[in-house]
Amino acid sequence: MADVWQLFWLCLAAAAGGVVNAVAGGGTLITFPTLIWVLGDGDEQSVQANATSTFALFPGSIASMWGYRREIAQTRHWLRALLLPSIIGSILGSYLTLLSPAVFKQLVPWLILLASALFLLQPLIARWTGIGQPHAAPTTATMTGIIVLQFFIAVYGGYFGAGIGILMLSGLALMGIADIHLMNGLKTVLATVINGLAVANFVLNGKVVWSIALPMTVAAIIGGFVGAATARKLNRVMVRWIVIAIGVGLSGYYFWKTYG
């Protein structure tokens, strides 16, 4: 049970996570370590921190879906191809988290480092895949590869999830979607499905710490609205570099603590 000051810092982290998710993504890299600090870094506590962080930030995905509702209506044929692998992958990923908390704890430094690397390489990934640029319609083989890629992205999303937006945009770019708004709408639906199923699995298995999760959720929603309202004024590049710096620093700390 968190004391008043710990709850204050948790809510502050959730609000910051909501702002960051609305502007550049990467809110998990703020909320998850803060929860580890409060709950402890044992095997079970690491899983609880992951579950509670996912729960607290989940409403932001639903809000994003509402914002992209017009674009989402135009993506149904792509959604039909990618929905099933997203569902199966998310259930599998969240189940793997619950199956072996000790393994999850050992992987925490690597997961944070991976998420940080994704944010660091985001511009290069965008250029390499041509996100938002016209593409030829994918062949059957390419489409099969994209579906398989989406499955593994969903497994990672159910397991930890920071950075799945970058990965999904890269896959969607290869499908020939030239409109970045359509891509973001489709990405938002798939992310909501992945996070929602992970949340459901964590809730059913009693891994969400409710006394912390509920106030954090409120704070994250407020942060998301603030982030959406000020997105044009905030420097996205600066926010992304702050997230990267936090992630790299935290991964180094957890590497030292876990293996040092």
Protein backbone atom coordinates (compact mmCIF):
# COMPACT_ATOMS: atom_id res chain seq x y z
CA MET A 1 0.00 0.00 0.00
CA ALA A 2 1.45 3.34 -1.07
CA ASP A 3 1.62 6.23 1.37
CA VAL A 4 0.36 9.72 0.47
CA TRP A 5 3.67 10.93 -0.97
CA GLN A 6 4.20 7.78 -2.99
CA LEU A 7 0.67 8.08 -4.37
CA PHE A 8 1.41 11.70 -5.27
CA TRP A 9 4.48 10.68 -7.28
CA LEU A 10 2.59 7.81 -8.91
CA CYS A 11 -0.19 10.15 -10.03
CA LEU A 12 2.37 12.67 -11.25
CA ALA A 13 4.08 9.91 -13.25
CA ALA A 14 0.72 8.79 -14.67
CA ALA A 15 -0.17 12.35 -15.68
CA ALA A 16 3.27 12.73 -17.33
CA GLY A 17 2.76 9.37 -19.04
CA GLY A 18 -0.58 10.56 -20.39
CA VAL A 19 1.00 13.74 -21.75
CA VAL A 20 3.91 11.85 -23.32
CA ASN A 21 1.60 9.27 -24.92
CA ALA A 22 -0.51 12.03 -26.43
CA VAL A 23 2.54 13.85 -27.84
CA ALA A 24 5.18 11.26 -28.72
CA GLY A 25 4.42 7.89 -27.07
CA GLY A 26 6.48 6.16 -24.39
CA GLY A 27 4.41 6.81 -21.26
CA THR A 28 5.13 3.30 -19.99
CA LEU A 29 8.79 4.26 -19.55
CA ILE A 30 7.65 6.76 -16.92
CA THR A 31 4.86 4.89 -15.11
CA PHE A 32 6.41 1.41 -14.96
CA PRO A 33 9.68 2.34 -13.16
CA THR A 34 7.76 4.58 -10.74
CA LEU A 35 5.53 1.64 -9.85
CA ILE A 36 8.61 -0.58 -9.36
CA TRP A 37 9.96 2.05 -6.95
CA VAL A 38 6.74 1.98 -4.90
CA LEU A 39 5.79 -1.71 -5.09
CA GLY A 40 9.30 -3.17 -5.00
CA ASP A 41 11.35 -5.06 -7.56
CA GLY A 42 10.54 -8.64 -6.59
CA ASP A 43 9.26 -11.12 -9.17
CA GLU A 44 5.58 -10.69 -8.31
CA GLN A 45 5.88 -6.94 -7.77
CA SER A 46 7.41 -6.48 -11.24
CA VAL A 47 4.40 -8.17 -12.82
CA GLN A 48 2.03 -6.09 -10.67
CA ALA A 49 3.84 -2.92 -11.77
CA ASN A 50 3.49 -3.93 -15.43
CA ALA A 51 -0.20 -4.80 -15.02
CA THR A 52 -1.03 -1.63 -13.08
CA SER A 53 0.85 0.58 -15.55
CA THR A 54 -0.96 -1.02 -18.51
CA PHE A 55 -4.32 -0.56 -16.77
CA ALA A 56 -3.67 3.09 -15.88
CA LEU A 57 -2.65 4.10 -19.41
CA PHE A 58 -5.28 2.03 -21.22
CA PRO A 59 -8.07 4.70 -21.29
CA GLY A 60 -5.76 6.85 -23.41
CA SER A 61 -6.06 4.28 -26.20
CA ILE A 62 -9.85 4.47 -26.08
CA ALA A 63 -9.73 8.28 -26.21
CA SER A 64 -7.42 8.07 -29.25
CA MET A 65 -9.89 5.75 -30.98
CA TRP A 66 -12.60 8.35 -30.57
CA GLY A 67 -10.31 11.00 -32.01
CA TYR A 68 -9.65 8.85 -35.10
CA ARG A 69 -13.22 7.56 -35.49
CA ARG A 70 -13.60 8.91 -39.06
CA GLU A 71 -10.33 7.38 -40.23
CA ILE A 72 -11.07 4.08 -38.49
CA ALA A 73 -14.30 3.74 -40.49
CA GLN A 74 -12.16 3.62 -43.67
CA THR A 75 -9.77 0.90 -42.45
CA ARG A 76 -12.13 -2.04 -42.01
CA HIS A 77 -10.62 -4.21 -44.76
CA TRP A 78 -7.12 -3.84 -43.25
CA LEU A 79 -8.50 -4.35 -39.75
CA ARG A 80 -10.03 -7.68 -40.76
CA ALA A 81 -6.59 -8.97 -41.74
CA LEU A 82 -4.76 -7.80 -38.61
CA LEU A 83 -7.33 -8.16 -35.82
CA LEU A 84 -7.02 -11.92 -35.24
CA PRO A 85 -3.19 -12.00 -34.97
CA SER A 86 -3.44 -9.02 -32.61
CA ILE A 87 -5.92 -10.84 -30.37
CA ILE A 88 -3.99 -14.12 -30.27
CA GLY A 89 -0.63 -12.39 -29.80
CA SER A 90 -1.83 -10.16 -26.96
CA ILE A 91 -3.39 -13.06 -25.04
CA LEU A 92 -0.21 -15.10 -25.47
CA GLY A 93 2.06 -12.22 -24.44
CA SER A 94 0.13 -11.36 -21.28
CA TYR A 95 -0.10 -15.06 -20.40
CA LEU A 96 3.70 -15.38 -20.71
CA THR A 97 4.08 -12.47 -18.28
CA LEU A 98 1.92 -14.28 -15.74
CA LEU A 99 3.48 -17.67 -16.41
CA SER A 100 6.95 -16.76 -15.17
CA PRO A 101 7.29 -13.57 -13.10
CA ALA A 102 10.96 -14.42 -12.42
CA VAL A 103 11.74 -14.40 -16.15
CA PHE A 104 9.83 -11.15 -16.61
CA LYS A 105 11.89 -9.51 -13.86
CA GLN A 106 15.12 -10.64 -15.52
CA LEU A 107 13.93 -9.22 -18.83
CA VAL A 108 12.91 -5.80 -17.45
CA PRO A 109 16.26 -4.10 -18.29
CA TRP A 110 16.18 -5.54 -21.80
CA LEU A 111 12.53 -4.53 -22.35
CA ILE A 112 13.21 -0.94 -21.27
CA LEU A 113 16.33 -0.82 -23.46
CA LEU A 114 14.38 -2.22 -26.44
CA ALA A 115 11.64 0.38 -26.01
CA SER A 116 14.26 3.15 -25.74
CA ALA A 117 16.00 1.90 -28.89
CA LEU A 118 12.69 1.93 -30.78
CA PHE A 119 12.13 5.57 -29.87
CA LEU A 120 15.75 6.41 -30.74
CA LEU A 121 15.51 4.74 -34.15
CA GLN A 122 11.99 5.98 -34.91
CA PRO A 123 13.07 8.50 -37.63
CA LEU A 124 15.27 5.88 -39.32
CA ILE A 125 12.49 3.29 -39.17
CA ALA A 126 10.07 5.82 -40.67
CA ARG A 127 12.45 6.54 -43.56
CA TRP A 128 13.28 2.87 -44.12
CA THR A 129 9.64 1.75 -44.31
CA GLY A 130 8.38 4.92 -45.97
CA ILE A 131 5.71 5.69 -43.39
CA GLY A 132 3.10 7.99 -44.93
CA GLN A 133 4.48 7.52 -48.47
CA PRO A 134 2.70 5.81 -51.38
CA HIS A 135 3.49 2.11 -51.76
CA ALA A 136 2.52 -0.52 -54.25
CA ALA A 137 -0.22 -2.88 -53.09
CA PRO A 138 1.37 -5.72 -51.08
CA THR A 139 1.78 -9.13 -52.64
CA THR A 140 0.31 -12.20 -50.96
CA ALA A 141 3.73 -13.06 -49.56
CA THR A 142 4.24 -9.52 -48.21
CA MET A 143 0.77 -9.51 -46.65
CA THR A 144 1.47 -12.84 -44.97
CA GLY A 145 4.70 -11.43 -43.58
CA ILE A 146 2.88 -8.35 -42.26
CA ILE A 147 0.29 -10.54 -40.50
CA VAL A 148 3.06 -12.62 -38.90
CA LEU A 149 4.87 -9.41 -37.88
CA GLN A 150 1.66 -8.08 -36.31
CA PHE A 151 1.33 -11.30 -34.30
CA PHE A 152 4.81 -10.88 -32.79
CA ILE A 153 4.20 -7.17 -32.16
CA ALA A 154 1.03 -8.16 -30.29
CA VAL A 155 2.96 -10.75 -28.24
CA TYR A 156 5.41 -8.04 -27.22
CA GLY A 157 2.50 -5.66 -26.61
CA GLY A 158 0.78 -8.11 -24.28
CA TYR A 159 4.06 -8.82 -22.51
CA PHE A 160 5.28 -5.23 -22.00
CA GLY A 161 4.19 -3.00 -24.83
CA ALA A 162 6.26 0.21 -24.82
CA GLY A 163 6.97 1.17 -28.42
CA ILE A 164 4.37 -1.00 -30.18
CA GLY A 165 3.04 2.06 -32.02
CA ILE A 166 6.36 2.51 -33.81
CA LEU A 167 6.48 -1.16 -34.75
CA MET A 168 2.89 -1.20 -36.00
CA LEU A 169 3.32 1.92 -38.13
CA SER A 170 6.33 0.27 -39.76
CA GLY A 171 4.28 -2.81 -40.63
CA LEU A 172 1.29 -0.78 -41.82
CA ALA A 173 3.53 1.30 -44.11
CA LEU A 174 4.40 -1.88 -46.00
CA MET A 175 0.68 -2.48 -46.68
CA GLY A 176 0.56 0.45 -49.08
CA ILE A 177 -1.35 2.88 -46.83
CA ALA A 178 -0.16 6.34 -47.86
CA ASP A 179 -2.40 8.38 -45.55
CA ILE A 180 -0.65 8.78 -42.17
CA HIS A 181 -3.99 9.56 -40.51
CA LEU A 182 -5.48 6.28 -41.69
CA MET A 183 -2.37 4.50 -40.43
CA ASN A 184 -2.66 6.16 -37.03
CA GLY A 185 -6.35 5.30 -36.83
CA LEU A 186 -5.70 1.63 -37.61
CA LYS A 187 -2.72 1.56 -35.24
CA THR A 188 -4.89 3.01 -32.48
CA VAL A 189 -7.56 0.31 -32.88
CA LEU A 190 -4.99 -2.48 -32.84
CA ALA A 191 -3.17 -0.98 -29.83
CA THR A 192 -6.47 -0.69 -27.95
CA VAL A 193 -7.25 -4.34 -28.67
CA ILE A 194 -3.78 -5.48 -27.61
CA ASN A 195 -3.72 -3.40 -24.42
CA GLY A 196 -7.35 -4.14 -23.60
CA LEU A 197 -6.90 -7.91 -23.74
CA ALA A 198 -3.71 -7.67 -21.68
CA VAL A 199 -5.55 -5.56 -19.10
CA ALA A 200 -8.40 -8.08 -18.98
CA ASN A 201 -5.94 -10.94 -18.43
CA PHE A 202 -4.13 -9.04 -15.67
CA VAL A 203 -7.41 -8.10 -13.95
CA LEU A 204 -8.76 -11.65 -14.08
CA ASN A 205 -5.55 -12.93 -12.51
CA GLY A 206 -5.54 -10.33 -9.74
CA LYS A 207 -2.32 -8.54 -10.80
CA VAL A 208 -3.67 -4.96 -10.83
CA VAL A 209 -3.11 -3.05 -7.57
CA TRP A 210 -6.45 -1.24 -7.42
CA SER A 211 -5.63 1.24 -4.65
CA ILE A 212 -2.93 2.63 -6.94
CA ALA A 213 -4.38 1.91 -10.37
CA LEU A 214 -7.59 3.93 -10.03
CA PRO A 215 -6.04 7.29 -9.03
CA MET A 216 -3.28 6.75 -11.60
CA THR A 217 -5.91 6.19 -14.28
CA VAL A 218 -7.60 9.49 -13.45
CA ALA A 219 -4.23 11.27 -13.54
CA ALA A 220 -3.32 9.64 -16.87
CA ILE A 221 -6.64 10.73 -18.42
CA ILE A 222 -6.03 14.32 -17.28
CA GLY A 223 -2.49 14.15 -18.65
CA GLY A 224 -3.79 12.80 -21.96
CA PHE A 225 -6.22 15.70 -22.36
CA VAL A 226 -3.47 18.19 -21.50
CA GLY A 227 -1.11 16.52 -23.97
CA ALA A 228 -3.72 16.52 -26.74
CA ALA A 229 -4.56 20.18 -26.10
CA THR A 230 -0.93 21.31 -26.11
CA ALA A 231 0.49 18.91 -28.72
CA ARG A 232 1.03 21.66 -31.29
CA LYS A 233 2.93 23.82 -28.78
CA LEU A 234 5.20 21.09 -27.43
CA ASN A 235 8.34 20.11 -29.32
CA ARG A 236 7.79 16.45 -30.22
CA VAL A 237 11.48 15.89 -30.89
CA MET A 238 12.43 17.26 -27.47
CA VAL A 239 9.78 15.12 -25.74
CA ARG A 240 10.99 12.04 -27.62
CA TRP A 241 14.61 12.68 -26.56
CA ILE A 242 13.53 13.12 -22.94
CA VAL A 243 11.76 9.74 -23.11
CA ILE A 244 14.86 8.17 -24.68
CA ALA A 245 17.14 9.63 -21.99
CA ILE A 246 14.85 8.37 -19.23
CA GLY A 247 14.65 4.93 -20.81
CA VAL A 248 18.40 4.53 -21.35
CA GLY A 249 19.16 5.73 -17.82
CA LEU A 250 16.60 3.38 -16.30
CA SER A 251 17.73 0.41 -18.36
CA GLY A 252 21.30 0.99 -17.15
CA TYR A 253 20.09 1.16 -13.56
CA TYR A 254 18.06 -2.05 -13.88
CA PHE A 255 20.94 -3.83 -15.63
CA TRP A 256 23.17 -2.93 -12.68
CA LYS A 257 20.52 -3.92 -10.13
CA THR A 258 19.54 -7.16 -11.85
CA TYR A 259 22.90 -8.44 -13.07
CA GLY A 260 25.51 -6.29 -11.32
